[in-house]
């Protein structure tokens, strides 16, 4: 259910980071915590036979650019992903959820 996962990503990133200023040490810990929250909420959807992988990045908005790429070996028929980017006045966050079918 990609739409449900999209809603989870928007909700978690928005609620955790809406008013948060960028602080490197705190954002490092928050990236781990946010990934755990997202993973738990996606697992609560109880989609059978899928392995869930969550990757989050948090960085400072400071007039620079960043490219983030990922590659996976998977079956395009059964495997899928969801991605969401959040920005506030001082930081950006990217969350990716990969759902890989497990036989």
Protein backbone atom coordinates (compact mmCIF):
# COMPACT_ATOMS: atom_id res chain seq x y z
CA UNK A 1 0.00 0.00 0.00
CA UNK A 2 2.23 2.79 -1.29
CA UNK A 3 -0.34 5.53 -0.59
CA UNK A 4 -0.53 4.52 3.08
CA UNK A 5 3.26 4.53 3.36
CA UNK A 6 3.39 7.97 1.69
CA UNK A 7 0.99 9.26 4.37
CA UNK A 8 3.15 7.75 7.12
CA UNK A 9 6.27 9.44 5.73
CA UNK A 10 4.56 12.84 5.51
CA UNK A 11 3.13 12.53 9.01
CA UNK A 12 6.31 11.36 10.76
CA UNK A 13 8.70 13.79 9.06
CA UNK A 14 6.29 16.71 9.43
CA UNK A 15 5.54 16.09 13.09
CA UNK A 16 9.17 15.43 14.11
CA UNK A 17 10.90 18.17 12.13
CA UNK A 18 8.41 20.99 11.55
CA UNK A 19 9.99 23.49 13.98
CA UNK A 20 13.35 21.76 14.41
CA UNK A 21 16.52 23.81 13.79
CA UNK A 22 19.52 22.07 12.24
CA UNK A 23 21.97 20.80 14.87
CA UNK A 24 24.38 18.12 13.57
CA UNK A 25 24.52 15.87 16.64
CA UNK A 26 20.80 16.06 17.31
CA UNK A 27 19.90 15.48 13.66
CA UNK A 28 22.13 12.40 13.54
CA UNK A 29 20.18 10.88 16.41
CA UNK A 30 16.85 12.04 15.00
CA UNK A 31 17.57 10.36 11.65
CA UNK A 32 17.93 7.01 13.46
CA UNK A 33 14.84 7.60 15.61
CA UNK A 34 12.72 8.70 12.65
CA UNK A 35 13.75 5.60 10.68
CA UNK A 36 12.70 3.38 13.59
CA UNK A 37 9.32 5.12 13.94
CA UNK A 38 8.65 4.84 10.21
CA UNK A 39 9.63 1.16 10.19
CA UNK A 40 7.35 0.40 13.14
CA UNK A 41 4.38 2.20 11.57
CA UNK A 42 4.89 0.49 8.21
CA UNK A 43 5.11 -2.90 9.95
CA UNK A 44 1.80 -2.08 11.68
CA UNK A 45 0.19 -2.18 8.22
CA UNK A 46 0.90 -5.93 8.38
CA UNK A 47 1.72 -6.44 4.73
CA UNK A 48 2.60 -10.14 4.56
CA UNK A 49 5.85 -11.51 3.10
CA UNK A 50 7.67 -8.20 2.66
CA UNK A 51 10.97 -7.09 4.16
CA UNK A 52 11.00 -3.38 4.99
CA UNK A 53 14.12 -1.21 4.70
CA UNK A 54 13.99 2.44 5.84
CA UNK A 55 16.74 4.96 5.03
CA UNK A 56 16.65 8.57 6.26
CA UNK A 57 18.92 11.54 5.61
CA UNK A 58 18.83 14.91 7.38
CA UNK A 59 20.97 17.84 6.24
CA UNK A 60 21.34 21.58 6.60
CA UNK A 61 19.80 23.99 4.11
CA UNK A 62 22.65 26.34 3.37
CA UNK A 63 22.54 27.28 -0.33
CA UNK A 64 24.20 24.06 -1.47
CA UNK A 65 22.97 21.05 -3.36
CA UNK A 66 23.09 17.35 -2.63
CA UNK A 67 22.55 14.31 -4.80
CA UNK A 68 21.42 11.06 -3.16
CA UNK A 69 21.24 7.90 -5.23
CA UNK A 70 20.40 4.31 -4.48
CA UNK A 71 20.47 1.06 -6.40
CA UNK A 72 18.72 -2.17 -5.63
CA UNK A 73 18.54 -5.58 -7.22
CA UNK A 74 14.89 -6.52 -7.12
CA UNK A 75 11.84 -7.72 -9.00
CA UNK A 76 9.95 -4.72 -10.44
CA UNK A 77 6.71 -6.72 -10.43
CA UNK A 78 6.58 -7.39 -6.68
CA UNK A 79 9.05 -4.98 -5.04
CA UNK A 80 8.38 -1.27 -4.55
CA UNK A 81 9.49 1.85 -2.70
CA UNK A 82 8.16 5.13 -1.36
CA UNK A 83 10.06 8.38 -0.90
CA UNK A 84 9.33 11.76 0.68
CA UNK A 85 11.33 14.99 1.04
CA UNK A 86 10.62 17.44 3.87
CA UNK A 87 12.04 20.95 4.22
CA UNK A 88 11.73 23.66 6.85
CA UNK A 89 13.68 26.90 7.21
CA UNK A 90 16.98 25.32 8.30
CA UNK A 91 17.01 21.63 7.27
CA UNK A 92 15.87 19.05 4.78
CA UNK A 93 15.03 15.41 5.34
CA UNK A 94 14.68 12.54 2.91
CA UNK A 95 13.05 9.26 3.86
CA UNK A 96 12.97 6.18 1.61
CA UNK A 97 11.05 3.01 2.37
CA UNK A 98 11.88 -0.08 0.32
CA UNK A 99 9.51 -3.06 0.37
CA UNK A 100 11.14 -6.23 -0.94
CA UNK A 101 9.03 -9.37 -1.42
CA UNK A 102 10.36 -12.33 0.55
CA UNK A 103 9.50 -15.84 -0.69
